[in-house]
PDB file of N, CA and C in Angstrom:
ATOM      1  N   MET A   1     -15.424  15.953  21.624  1.00  0.00           N
ATOM      2  CA  MET A   1     -14.320  16.122  21.303  1.00  0.00           C
ATOM      3  C   MET A   1     -14.510  14.358  20.586  1.00  0.00           C
ATOM      4  N   TYR A   2     -14.330  13.424  21.023  1.00  0.00           N
ATOM      5  CA  TYR A   2     -14.235  12.238  20.719  1.00  0.00           C
ATOM      6  C   TYR A   2     -15.737  11.712  20.158  1.00  0.00           C
ATOM      7  N   ILE A   3     -16.458  12.186  19.894  1.00  0.00           N
ATOM      8  CA  ILE A   3     -18.015  11.625  18.968  1.00  0.00           C
ATOM      9  C   ILE A   3     -17.470  12.573  17.797  1.00  0.00           C
ATOM     10  N   GLU A   4     -17.007  13.479  17.379  1.00  0.00           N
ATOM     11  CA  GLU A   4     -16.383  14.018  16.370  1.00  0.00           C
ATOM     12  C   GLU A   4     -15.123  13.221  15.491  1.00  0.00           C
ATOM     13  N   ARG A   5     -14.670  12.935  16.534  1.00  0.00           N
ATOM     14  CA  ARG A   5     -12.989  12.269  15.703  1.00  0.00           C
ATOM     15  C   ARG A   5     -13.785  10.790  15.480  1.00  0.00           C
ATOM     16  N   LEU A   6     -14.663   9.990  16.369  1.00  0.00           N
ATOM     17  CA  LEU A   6     -15.434   9.117  15.616  1.00  0.00           C
ATOM     18  C   LEU A   6     -16.227   9.226  14.320  1.00  0.00           C
ATOM     19  N   GLU A   7     -16.910  10.316  14.499  1.00  0.00           N
ATOM     20  CA  GLU A   7     -17.688  10.435  13.203  1.00  0.00           C
ATOM     21  C   GLU A   7     -16.958  10.967  11.885  1.00  0.00           C
ATOM     22  N   HIS A   8     -15.613  11.556  12.050  1.00  0.00           N
ATOM     23  CA  HIS A   8     -14.984  11.762  10.931  1.00  0.00           C
ATOM     24  C   HIS A   8     -14.340  10.443  10.671  1.00  0.00           C
ATOM     25  N   LYS A   9     -13.808   9.172  11.290  1.00  0.00           N
ATOM     26  CA  LYS A   9     -13.048   8.388  11.005  1.00  0.00           C
ATOM     27  C   LYS A   9     -14.152   7.335  10.832  1.00  0.00           C
ATOM     28  N   SER A  10     -15.511   7.351  11.129  1.00  0.00           N
ATOM     29  CA  SER A  10     -16.481   6.488  10.506  1.00  0.00           C
ATOM     30  C   SER A  10     -16.567   7.228   8.934  1.00  0.00           C
ATOM     31  N   LYS A  11     -16.932   8.440   8.899  1.00  0.00           N
ATOM     32  CA  LYS A  11     -17.311   8.666   7.135  1.00  0.00           C
ATOM     33  C   LYS A  11     -16.052   8.249   6.412  1.00  0.00           C
ATOM     34  N   LEU A  12     -14.868   8.644   6.668  1.00  0.00           N
ATOM     35  CA  LEU A  12     -13.738   7.980   5.690  1.00  0.00           C
ATOM     36  C   LEU A  12     -13.932   6.340   5.780  1.00  0.00           C
ATOM     37  N   MET A  13     -14.348   5.562   6.504  1.00  0.00           N
ATOM     38  CA  MET A  13     -14.743   4.093   6.178  1.00  0.00           C
ATOM     39  C   MET A  13     -15.784   3.769   5.408  1.00  0.00           C
ATOM     40  N   TRP A  14     -16.850   4.928   5.685  1.00  0.00           N
ATOM     41  CA  TRP A  14     -17.810   4.293   4.644  1.00  0.00           C
ATOM     42  C   TRP A  14     -17.419   5.198   3.383  1.00  0.00           C
ATOM     43  N   LYS A  15     -16.608   5.956   3.332  1.00  0.00           N
ATOM     44  CA  LYS A  15     -16.215   6.624   1.613  1.00  0.00           C
ATOM     45  C   LYS A  15     -15.253   5.508   1.323  1.00  0.00           C
ATOM     46  N   LEU A  16     -14.443   4.899   2.019  1.00  0.00           N
ATOM     47  CA  LEU A  16     -13.300   3.983   1.140  1.00  0.00           C
ATOM     48  C   LEU A  16     -14.323   2.592   0.763  1.00  0.00           C
ATOM     49  N   LEU A  17     -15.011   2.382   1.834  1.00  0.00           N
ATOM     50  CA  LEU A  17     -16.061   0.951   1.638  1.00  0.00           C
ATOM     51  C   LEU A  17     -16.837   1.276   0.141  1.00  0.00           C
ATOM     52  N   ASP A  18     -17.456   2.131  -0.094  1.00  0.00           N
ATOM     53  CA  ASP A  18     -18.194   2.504  -1.334  1.00  0.00           C
ATOM     54  C   ASP A  18     -16.747   2.524  -2.624  1.00  0.00           C
ATOM     55  N   ALA A  19     -15.980   2.929  -2.186  1.00  0.00           N
ATOM     56  CA  ALA A  19     -15.021   2.840  -3.261  1.00  0.00           C
ATOM     57  C   ALA A  19     -14.867   1.672  -4.038  1.00  0.00           C
ATOM     58  N   SER A  20     -14.527   0.732  -2.609  1.00  0.00           N
ATOM     59  CA  SER A  20     -14.186  -0.753  -2.833  1.00  0.00           C
ATOM     60  C   SER A  20     -15.165  -1.720  -3.212  1.00  0.00           C
ATOM     61  N   LYS A  21     -16.272  -0.744  -3.779  1.00  0.00           N
ATOM     62  CA  LYS A  21     -17.469  -1.387  -3.978  1.00  0.00           C
ATOM     63  C   LYS A  21     -17.814  -2.733  -2.724  1.00  0.00           C
ATOM     64  N   ASN A  22     -17.957  -2.137  -1.147  1.00  0.00           N
ATOM     65  CA  ASN A  22     -18.469  -2.966  -0.414  1.00  0.00           C
ATOM     66  C   ASN A  22     -17.492  -4.367  -0.240  1.00  0.00           C
ATOM     67  N   ASP A  23     -16.160  -4.211  -0.439  1.00  0.00           N
ATOM     68  CA  ASP A  23     -15.326  -4.846  -0.044  1.00  0.00           C
ATOM     69  C   ASP A  23     -14.226  -4.774   0.909  1.00  0.00           C
ATOM     70  N   TRP A  24     -15.161  -5.500   2.192  1.00  0.00           N
ATOM     71  CA  TRP A  24     -14.562  -5.486   3.132  1.00  0.00           C
ATOM     72  C   TRP A  24     -12.871  -5.633   3.697  1.00  0.00           C
ATOM     73  N   GLU A  25     -12.556  -6.673   2.716  1.00  0.00           N
ATOM     74  CA  GLU A  25     -11.019  -6.950   2.976  1.00  0.00           C
ATOM     75  C   GLU A  25     -10.506  -5.745   2.244  1.00  0.00           C
ATOM     76  N   ALA A  26     -10.552  -5.226   1.217  1.00  0.00           N
ATOM     77  CA  ALA A  26     -10.109  -4.162   0.833  1.00  0.00           C
ATOM     78  C   ALA A  26      -9.816  -2.895   1.588  1.00  0.00           C
ATOM     79  N   LEU A  27     -10.940  -2.761   1.914  1.00  0.00           N
ATOM     80  CA  LEU A  27     -11.132  -1.808   3.429  1.00  0.00           C
ATOM     81  C   LEU A  27      -9.902  -1.628   4.114  1.00  0.00           C
ATOM     82  N   LEU A  28     -10.212  -3.140   4.736  1.00  0.00           N
ATOM     83  CA  LEU A  28      -9.442  -3.419   5.953  1.00  0.00           C
ATOM     84  C   LEU A  28      -7.711  -3.324   5.250  1.00  0.00           C
ATOM     85  N   PHE A  29      -7.245  -3.599   4.265  1.00  0.00           N
ATOM     86  CA  PHE A  29      -6.005  -3.455   3.406  1.00  0.00           C
ATOM     87  C   PHE A  29      -5.864  -1.717   3.358  1.00  0.00           C
ATOM     88  N   MET A  30      -6.915  -0.769   2.759  1.00  0.00           N
ATOM     89  CA  MET A  30      -6.511   0.400   2.618  1.00  0.00           C
ATOM     90  C   MET A  30      -6.289   1.126   4.214  1.00  0.00           C
ATOM     91  N   LEU A  31      -7.165   0.823   5.316  1.00  0.00           N
ATOM     92  CA  LEU A  31      -6.894   1.148   6.560  1.00  0.00           C
ATOM     93  C   LEU A  31      -5.423   0.677   7.383  1.00  0.00           C
ATOM     94  N   LEU A  32      -5.163  -0.402   7.233  1.00  0.00           N
ATOM     95  CA  LEU A  32      -3.858  -1.038   7.286  1.00  0.00           C
ATOM     96  C   LEU A  32      -2.741  -0.001   7.139  1.00  0.00           C
ATOM     97  N   GLY A  33      -2.784   0.090   5.510  1.00  0.00           N
ATOM     98  CA  GLY A  33      -2.306   1.220   5.133  1.00  0.00           C
ATOM     99  C   GLY A  33      -1.482   2.622   5.916  1.00  0.00           C
ATOM    100  N   LYS A  34      -2.924   3.134   5.935  1.00  0.00           N
ATOM    101  CA  LYS A  34      -2.736   4.458   6.271  1.00  0.00           C
ATOM    102  C   LYS A  34      -2.507   4.177   8.075  1.00  0.00           C
ATOM    103  N   ASN A  35      -2.544   3.253   8.635  1.00  0.00           N
ATOM    104  CA  ASN A  35      -2.204   3.042   9.947  1.00  0.00           C
ATOM    105  C   ASN A  35      -0.752   2.872   9.958  1.00  0.00           C
ATOM    106  N   PHE A  36      -0.279   1.622   9.298  1.00  0.00           N
ATOM    107  CA  PHE A  36       1.322   1.422   9.298  1.00  0.00           C
ATOM    108  C   PHE A  36       1.928   3.294   8.673  1.00  0.00           C
ATOM    109  N   GLY A  37       1.294   4.164   8.157  1.00  0.00           N
ATOM    110  CA  GLY A  37       2.066   5.087   7.664  1.00  0.00           C
ATOM    111  C   GLY A  37       1.899   5.822   9.116  1.00  0.00           C
ATOM    112  N   SER A  38       1.336   5.875  10.302  1.00  0.00           N
ATOM    113  CA  SER A  38       1.502   6.631  11.106  1.00  0.00           C
ATOM    114  C   SER A  38       0.820   7.882  10.739  1.00  0.00           C
ATOM    115  N   LYS A  39       1.247   9.148  11.970  1.00  0.00           N
ATOM    116  CA  LYS A  39       0.471  10.163  11.231  1.00  0.00           C
ATOM    117  C   LYS A  39       1.432  11.001  10.531  1.00  0.00           C
ATOM    118  N   VAL A  40       2.408  11.068  10.502  1.00  0.00           N
ATOM    119  CA  VAL A  40       3.302  11.469   9.331  1.00  0.00           C
ATOM    120  C   VAL A  40       3.032  10.990   7.748  1.00  0.00           C
ATOM    121  N   ASN A  41       3.055   9.782   7.463  1.00  0.00           N
ATOM    122  CA  ASN A  41       3.000   9.106   6.096  1.00  0.00           C
ATOM    123  C   ASN A  41       1.818   8.656   6.026  1.00  0.00           C
ATOM    124  N   GLY A  42       0.705   8.786   6.892  1.00  0.00           N
ATOM    125  CA  GLY A  42      -0.399   7.755   6.833  1.00  0.00           C
ATOM    126  C   GLY A  42      -1.130   8.329   5.655  1.00  0.00           C
ATOM    127  N   PRO A  43      -1.221   9.590   5.346  1.00  0.00           N
ATOM    128  CA  PRO A  43      -2.055  10.087   4.148  1.00  0.00           C
ATOM    129  C   PRO A  43      -1.150   9.218   2.636  1.00  0.00           C
ATOM    130  N   HIS A  44      -0.261   9.429   2.827  1.00  0.00           N
ATOM    131  CA  HIS A  44       0.598   8.883   1.593  1.00  0.00           C
ATOM    132  C   HIS A  44       0.551   7.171   1.577  1.00  0.00           C
ATOM    133  N   PHE A  45       0.252   6.622   2.496  1.00  0.00           N
ATOM    134  CA  PHE A  45       0.082   5.176   2.570  1.00  0.00           C
ATOM    135  C   PHE A  45      -1.153   4.971   1.965  1.00  0.00           C
ATOM    136  N   LEU A  46      -2.172   5.684   2.769  1.00  0.00           N
ATOM    137  CA  LEU A  46      -3.861   5.260   2.482  1.00  0.00           C
ATOM    138  C   LEU A  46      -3.835   5.685   0.866  1.00  0.00           C
ATOM    139  N   GLU A  47      -3.143   6.776  -0.026  1.00  0.00           N
ATOM    140  CA  GLU A  47      -3.304   7.181  -1.036  1.00  0.00           C
ATOM    141  C   GLU A  47      -2.634   6.086  -1.893  1.00  0.00           C
ATOM    142  N   ARG A  48      -1.526   5.449  -2.024  1.00  0.00           N
ATOM    143  CA  ARG A  48      -1.113   3.816  -2.282  1.00  0.00           C
ATOM    144  C   ARG A  48      -1.792   2.956  -2.310  1.00  0.00           C
ATOM    145  N   ALA A  49      -2.680   2.897  -0.833  1.00  0.00           N
ATOM    146  CA  ALA A  49      -3.378   1.702  -1.037  1.00  0.00           C
ATOM    147  C   ALA A  49      -4.581   1.624  -2.029  1.00  0.00           C
ATOM    148  N   GLN A  50      -4.941   3.193  -1.960  1.00  0.00           N
ATOM    149  CA  GLN A  50      -6.144   2.915  -2.902  1.00  0.00           C
ATOM    150  C   GLN A  50      -5.620   2.993  -4.313  1.00  0.00           C
ATOM    151  N   GLU A  51      -4.401   3.278  -4.375  1.00  0.00           N
ATOM    152  CA  GLU A  51      -4.015   2.801  -5.670  1.00  0.00           C
ATOM    153  C   GLU A  51      -3.818   1.406  -6.533  1.00  0.00           C
ATOM    154  N   LEU A  52      -3.597   1.065  -5.117  1.00  0.00           N
ATOM    155  CA  LEU A  52      -3.238  -0.863  -5.664  1.00  0.00           C
ATOM    156  C   LEU A  52      -4.627  -1.500  -5.821  1.00  0.00           C
ATOM    157  N   ASP A  53      -5.214  -2.057  -6.594  1.00  0.00           N
ATOM    158  CA  ASP A  53      -6.121  -2.920  -7.174  1.00  0.00           C
ATOM    159  C   ASP A  53      -6.035  -4.223  -5.945  1.00  0.00           C
ATOM    160  N   PHE A  54      -7.178  -4.023  -4.870  1.00  0.00           N
ATOM    161  CA  PHE A  54      -6.959  -5.141  -3.981  1.00  0.00           C
ATOM    162  C   PHE A  54      -6.685  -6.847  -4.470  1.00  0.00           C
ATOM    163  N   SER A  55      -7.158  -7.105  -5.941  1.00  0.00           N
ATOM    164  CA  SER A  55      -7.435  -8.511  -6.445  1.00  0.00           C
ATOM    165  C   SER A  55      -5.893  -8.551  -7.268  1.00  0.00           C
ATOM    166  N   ILE A  56      -5.185  -7.811  -7.082  1.00  0.00           N
ATOM    167  CA  ILE A  56      -3.554  -8.001  -7.100  1.00  0.00           C
ATOM    168  C   ILE A  56      -3.184  -8.559  -6.073  1.00  0.00           C
ATOM    169  N   VAL A  57      -3.594  -7.735  -4.845  1.00  0.00           N
ATOM    170  CA  VAL A  57      -3.334  -8.304  -3.773  1.00  0.00           C
ATOM    171  C   VAL A  57      -3.144  -9.694  -3.405  1.00  0.00           C
ATOM    172  N   ARG A  58      -4.844 -10.214  -3.795  1.00  0.00           N
ATOM    173  CA  ARG A  58      -5.529 -11.815  -3.200  1.00  0.00           C
ATOM    174  C   ARG A  58      -4.514 -12.624  -4.489  1.00  0.00           C
ATOM    175  N   LYS A  59      -4.450 -11.913  -5.441  1.00  0.00           N
ATOM    176  CA  LYS A  59      -3.577 -13.148  -6.196  1.00  0.00           C
ATOM    177  C   LYS A  59      -2.022 -13.879  -5.815  1.00  0.00           C
ATOM    178  N   THR A  60      -1.736 -12.544  -5.214  1.00  0.00           N
ATOM    179  CA  THR A  60      -0.331 -12.994  -4.595  1.00  0.00           C
ATOM    180  C   THR A  60      -0.179 -13.521  -3.429  1.00  0.00           C
ATOM    181  N   THR A  61      -1.258 -13.827  -2.388  1.00  0.00           N
ATOM    182  CA  THR A  61      -1.374 -14.390  -0.867  1.00  0.00           C
ATOM    183  C   THR A  61      -0.777 -15.546  -0.847  1.00  0.00           C
ATOM    184  N   ASN A  62      -0.908 -16.396  -1.713  1.00  0.00           N
ATOM    185  CA  ASN A  62       0.029 -17.658  -1.796  1.00  0.00           C
ATOM    186  C   ASN A  62       1.377 -17.823  -1.805  1.00  0.00           C
ATOM    187  N   GLU A  63       1.678 -16.514  -2.477  1.00  0.00           N
ATOM    188  CA  GLU A  63       3.272 -16.682  -2.614  1.00  0.00           C
ATOM    189  C   GLU A  63       3.725 -15.219  -1.792  1.00  0.00           C
ATOM    190  N   PRO A  64       4.399 -15.818  -0.366  1.00  0.00           N
ATOM    191  CA  PRO A  64       4.796 -14.695   0.399  1.00  0.00           C
ATOM    192  C   PRO A  64       5.826 -13.727  -0.495  1.00  0.00           C
ATOM    193  N   LEU A  65       6.833 -14.348  -0.911  1.00  0.00           N
ATOM    194  CA  LEU A  65       7.894 -13.215  -1.607  1.00  0.00           C
ATOM    195  C   LEU A  65       7.325 -12.218  -2.747  1.00  0.00           C
ATOM    196  N   GLN A  66       6.329 -12.835  -3.075  1.00  0.00           N
ATOM    197  CA  GLN A  66       6.032 -12.200  -4.662  1.00  0.00           C
ATOM    198  C   GLN A  66       4.661 -10.734  -3.614  1.00  0.00           C
ATOM    199  N   LEU A  67       4.086 -11.623  -2.776  1.00  0.00           N
ATOM    200  CA  LEU A  67       3.538 -10.807  -1.591  1.00  0.00           C
ATOM    201  C   LEU A  67       4.593  -9.344  -1.252  1.00  0.00           C
ATOM    202  N   GLU A  68       5.462  -9.797  -0.560  1.00  0.00           N
ATOM    203  CA  GLU A  68       6.163  -8.768   0.248  1.00  0.00           C
ATOM    204  C   GLU A  68       6.972  -8.390  -0.757  1.00  0.00           C
ATOM    205  N   ALA A  69       7.366  -8.293  -1.975  1.00  0.00           N
ATOM    206  CA  ALA A  69       7.651  -7.480  -2.932  1.00  0.00           C
ATOM    207  C   ALA A  69       6.572  -6.430  -3.300  1.00  0.00           C
ATOM    208  N   LEU A  70       5.442  -7.091  -3.906  1.00  0.00           N
ATOM    209  CA  LEU A  70       4.790  -6.133  -4.243  1.00  0.00           C
ATOM    210  C   LEU A  70       4.380  -4.979  -3.247  1.00  0.00           C
ATOM    211  N   LEU A  71       4.199  -5.426  -1.861  1.00  0.00           N
ATOM    212  CA  LEU A  71       3.867  -4.639  -1.143  1.00  0.00           C
ATOM    213  C   LEU A  71       4.985  -3.264  -0.931  1.00  0.00           C
ATOM    214  N   PHE A  72       6.341  -4.127  -0.355  1.00  0.00           N
ATOM    215  CA  PHE A  72       7.538  -3.196  -0.142  1.00  0.00           C
ATOM    216  C   PHE A  72       7.685  -2.157  -1.850  1.00  0.00           C
ATOM    217  N   GLY A  73       7.642  -2.802  -2.636  1.00  0.00           N
ATOM    218  CA  GLY A  73       7.781  -2.296  -4.312  1.00  0.00           C
ATOM    219  C   GLY A  73       6.605  -1.038  -4.318  1.00  0.00           C
ATOM    220  N   HIS A  74       5.275  -1.310  -4.214  1.00  0.00           N
ATOM    221  CA  HIS A  74       4.628  -0.337  -4.458  1.00  0.00           C
ATOM    222  C   HIS A  74       4.511   0.766  -3.403  1.00  0.00           C
ATOM    223  N   PHE A  75       4.458   0.516  -2.203  1.00  0.00           N
ATOM    224  CA  PHE A  75       4.852   1.231  -1.089  1.00  0.00           C
ATOM    225  C   PHE A  75       6.404   2.167  -1.167  1.00  0.00           C
ATOM    226  N   GLY A  76       6.846   1.864  -2.327  1.00  0.00           N
ATOM    227  CA  GLY A  76       8.132   2.819  -2.506  1.00  0.00           C
ATOM    228  C   GLY A  76       9.245   2.420  -1.327  1.00  0.00           C
ATOM    229  N   LEU A  77       9.022   1.259  -1.131  1.00  0.00           N
ATOM    230  CA  LEU A  77      10.285   0.727  -0.091  1.00  0.00           C
ATOM    231  C   LEU A  77      11.616   0.444  -0.554  1.00  0.00           C
ATOM    232  N   LEU A  78      11.328   0.225  -1.759  1.00  0.00           N
ATOM    233  CA  LEU A  78      12.669  -0.483  -2.490  1.00  0.00           C
ATOM    234  C   LEU A  78      13.316   0.426  -3.972  1.00  0.00           C
ATOM    235  N   GLN A  79      13.539   1.749  -3.435  1.00  0.00           N
ATOM    236  CA  GLN A  79      13.770   2.250  -4.184  1.00  0.00           C
ATOM    237  C   GLN A  79      15.551   2.773  -3.724  1.00  0.00           C
ATOM    238  N   VAL A  80      15.722   2.352  -3.124  1.00  0.00           N
ATOM    239  CA  VAL A  80      16.997   2.411  -2.552  1.00  0.00           C
ATOM    240  C   VAL A  80      18.132   1.947  -3.472  1.00  0.00           C
ATOM    241  N   ASP A  81      19.312   2.456  -4.446  1.00  0.00           N
ATOM    242  CA  ASP A  81      19.960   2.157  -4.878  1.00  0.00           C
ATOM    243  C   ASP A  81      21.300   1.345  -4.841  1.00  0.00           C
ATOM    244  N   ASP A  82      21.819   1.808  -3.478  1.00  0.00           N
ATOM    245  CA  ASP A  82      23.127   1.262  -3.220  1.00  0.00           C
ATOM    246  C   ASP A  82      22.827   0.333  -2.131  1.00  0.00           C
ATOM    247  N   CYS A  83      22.076  -0.189  -1.999  1.00  0.00           N
ATOM    248  CA  CYS A  83      21.433  -1.360  -1.255  1.00  0.00           C
ATOM    249  C   CYS A  83      22.071  -2.792  -1.839  1.00  0.00           C
ATOM    250  N   THR A  84      22.646  -3.369  -1.301  1.00  0.00           N
ATOM    251  CA  THR A  84      23.038  -4.903  -2.013  1.00  0.00           C
ATOM    252  C   THR A  84      22.717  -5.841  -1.369  1.00  0.00           C
ATOM    253  N   GLY A  85      22.125  -6.138  -0.445  1.00  0.00           N
ATOM    254  CA  GLY A  85      21.729  -7.250   0.265  1.00  0.00           C
ATOM    255  C   GLY A  85      20.787  -8.264  -0.487  1.00  0.00           C
ATOM    256  N   SER A  86      21.118  -9.391  -0.310  1.00  0.00           N
ATOM    257  CA  SER A  86      20.362 -10.641  -0.960  1.00  0.00           C
ATOM    258  C   SER A  86      18.971 -10.605  -1.180  1.00  0.00           C
ATOM    259  N   TYR A  87      18.469 -10.221   0.033  1.00  0.00           N
ATOM    260  CA  TYR A  87      16.941 -10.096   0.368  1.00  0.00           C
ATOM    261  C   TYR A  87      16.473  -8.829  -0.514  1.00  0.00           C
ATOM    262  N   TYR A  88      17.101  -8.200  -0.491  1.00  0.00           N
ATOM    263  CA  TYR A  88      16.700  -6.630  -1.114  1.00  0.00           C
ATOM    264  C   TYR A  88      16.562  -6.612  -2.874  1.00  0.00           C
ATOM    265  N   VAL A  89      18.027  -7.676  -2.965  1.00  0.00           N
ATOM    266  CA  VAL A  89      17.582  -7.261  -4.248  1.00  0.00           C
ATOM    267  C   VAL A  89      16.783  -8.339  -4.942  1.00  0.00           C
ATOM    268  N   GLN A  90      16.579  -9.912  -3.925  1.00  0.00           N
ATOM    269  CA  GLN A  90      15.698 -10.629  -4.251  1.00  0.00           C
ATOM    270  C   GLN A  90      14.381 -10.110  -4.822  1.00  0.00           C
ATOM    271  N   LEU A  91      13.757  -8.975  -3.682  1.00  0.00           N
ATOM    272  CA  LEU A  91      12.574  -8.110  -3.325  1.00  0.00           C
ATOM    273  C   LEU A  91      12.395  -7.550  -4.873  1.00  0.00           C
ATOM    274  N   LYS A  92      13.489  -6.448  -5.023  1.00  0.00           N
ATOM    275  CA  LYS A  92      13.048  -5.609  -6.099  1.00  0.00           C
ATOM    276  C   LYS A  92      13.371  -6.341  -7.255  1.00  0.00           C
ATOM    277  N   LYS A  93      14.204  -7.384  -7.539  1.00  0.00           N
ATOM    278  CA  LYS A  93      13.805  -8.147  -8.811  1.00  0.00           C
ATOM    279  C   LYS A  93      12.669  -8.801  -8.841  1.00  0.00           C
ATOM    280  N   GLU A  94      11.801  -9.303  -8.214  1.00  0.00           N
ATOM    281  CA  GLU A  94      10.812  -9.969  -7.738  1.00  0.00           C
ATOM    282  C   GLU A  94       9.818  -8.949  -8.160  1.00  0.00           C
ATOM    283  N   TYR A  95       9.561  -7.664  -7.834  1.00  0.00           N
ATOM    284  CA  TYR A  95       8.992  -6.683  -7.603  1.00  0.00           C
ATOM    285  C   TYR A  95       8.635  -6.251  -9.566  1.00  0.00           C
ATOM    286  N   ASP A  96       9.792  -6.403 -10.048  1.00  0.00           N
ATOM    287  CA  ASP A  96       9.770  -6.111 -11.587  1.00  0.00           C
ATOM    288  C   ASP A  96       8.548  -6.621 -12.217  1.00  0.00           C
ATOM    289  N   TYR A  97       8.270  -8.044 -12.262  1.00  0.00           N
ATOM    290  CA  TYR A  97       7.255  -8.791 -12.661  1.00  0.00           C
ATOM    291  C   TYR A  97       5.650  -8.045 -12.614  1.00  0.00           C
ATOM    292  N   PRO A  98       5.530  -8.260 -11.399  1.00  0.00           N
ATOM    293  CA  PRO A  98       3.927  -7.528 -11.318  1.00  0.00           C
ATOM    294  C   PRO A  98       4.132  -6.123 -11.415  1.00  0.00           C
ATOM    295  N   GLN A  99       5.281  -5.105 -11.464  1.00  0.00           N
ATOM    296  CA  GLN A  99       5.080  -3.771 -11.834  1.00  0.00           C
ATOM    297  C   GLN A  99       4.912  -3.654 -13.257  1.00  0.00           C
ATOM    298  N   GLY A 100       5.228  -4.816 -13.809  1.00  0.00           N
ATOM    299  CA  GLY A 100       4.976  -4.796 -15.485  1.00  0.00           C
ATOM    300  C   GLY A 100       3.579  -5.716 -16.055  1.00  0.00           C
ATOM    301  N   LYS A 101       3.344  -6.558 -15.219  1.00  0.00           N
ATOM    302  CA  LYS A 101       2.014  -7.128 -15.653  1.00  0.00           C
ATOM    303  C   LYS A 101       0.971  -6.456 -15.179  1.00  0.00           C
ATOM    304  N   PHE A 102       0.702  -5.755 -13.976  1.00  0.00           N
ATOM    305  CA  PHE A 102      -0.133  -5.259 -13.361  1.00  0.00           C
ATOM    306  C   PHE A 102      -0.050  -3.845 -14.174  1.00  0.00           C
ATOM    307  N   ASP A 103       1.147  -3.113 -14.473  1.00  0.00           N
ATOM    308  CA  ASP A 103       1.242  -2.026 -15.102  1.00  0.00           C
ATOM    309  C   ASP A 103       1.013  -0.758 -13.939  1.00  0.00           C
ATOM    310  N   LEU A 104       1.788  -0.986 -12.813  1.00  0.00           N
ATOM    311  CA  LEU A 104       1.498  -0.147 -11.645  1.00  0.00           C
ATOM    312  C   LEU A 104       2.443   0.982 -11.683  1.00  0.00           C
ATOM    313  N   ASP A 105       1.798   1.782 -11.128  1.00  0.00           N
ATOM    314  CA  ASP A 105       2.535   3.374 -11.025  1.00  0.00           C
ATOM    315  C   ASP A 105       3.861   3.206 -10.161  1.00  0.00           C
ATOM    316  N   LYS A 106       4.669   4.296 -10.689  1.00  0.00           N
ATOM    317  CA  LYS A 106       6.142   4.186  -9.728  1.00  0.00           C
ATOM    318  C   LYS A 106       5.857   4.842  -8.264  1.00  0.00           C
ATOM    319  N   PRO A 107       6.381   4.273  -7.412  1.00  0.00           N
ATOM    320  CA  PRO A 107       6.541   4.906  -6.148  1.00  0.00           C
ATOM    321  C   PRO A 107       6.385   6.534  -6.061  1.00  0.00           C
ATOM    322  N   SER A 108       5.475   7.040  -5.256  1.00  0.00           N
ATOM    323  CA  SER A 108       5.802   8.413  -4.949  1.00  0.00           C
ATOM    324  C   SER A 108       6.686   8.827  -4.469  1.00  0.00           C
ATOM    325  N   SER A 109       7.326  10.265  -4.855  1.00  0.00           N
ATOM    326  CA  SER A 109       8.362  10.869  -4.648  1.00  0.00           C
ATOM    327  C   SER A 109       8.201  12.117  -3.966  1.00  0.00           C
ATOM    328  N   LYS A 110       6.721  12.087  -3.742  1.00  0.00           N
ATOM    329  CA  LYS A 110       5.811  13.791  -2.994  1.00  0.00           C
ATOM    330  C   LYS A 110       7.030  13.985  -1.776  1.00  0.00           C
ATOM    331  N   PRO A 111       7.573  15.326  -1.746  1.00  0.00           N
ATOM    332  CA  PRO A 111       7.999  15.517  -0.110  1.00  0.00           C
ATOM    333  C   PRO A 111       7.334  15.335   0.731  1.00  0.00           C
ATOM    334  N   GLY A 112       7.910  15.038   2.072  1.00  0.00           N
ATOM    335  CA  GLY A 112       7.399  14.546   3.083  1.00  0.00           C
ATOM    336  C   GLY A 112       7.358  12.862   3.116  1.00  0.00           C
ATOM    337  N   PHE A 113       7.012  12.241   2.097  1.00  0.00           N
ATOM    338  CA  PHE A 113       7.346  10.957   2.116  1.00  0.00           C
ATOM    339  C   PHE A 113       8.300  10.341   2.745  1.00  0.00           C
ATOM    340  N   PHE A 114       7.423   9.108   3.904  1.00  0.00           N
ATOM    341  CA  PHE A 114       8.301   8.689   4.301  1.00  0.00           C
ATOM    342  C   PHE A 114       9.664   9.846   5.355  1.00  0.00           C
ATOM    343  N   GLY A 115       8.624  10.626   6.045  1.00  0.00           N
ATOM    344  CA  GLY A 115       9.227  11.565   6.923  1.00  0.00           C
ATOM    345  C   GLY A 115       9.962  12.724   6.263  1.00  0.00           C
TER     346      GLY A 115
END
């Protein structure tokens, strides 16, 4: 069983590596997204990580607030309307710029997303 699971995981990794044109950093980003989602949301997080062009992440690595806003926004964590915390509002405002500039899709509202 262990070998089968390992083979399944390695096939996924090779498939993602091929899709990312042998970009190992992009592969790591996608797999981190999948694993942050855990068992319940892992497939959704992987899907969203694949949809985000990793070059955008690279462009924002020197600006922590922009990077946080990009990741939180793209993964659907800035969808609460009644939150008024200053950090949340700042992230939501900061996400509007890359969303428009890079024409990013709206976060998924699929059933089961986030539990």
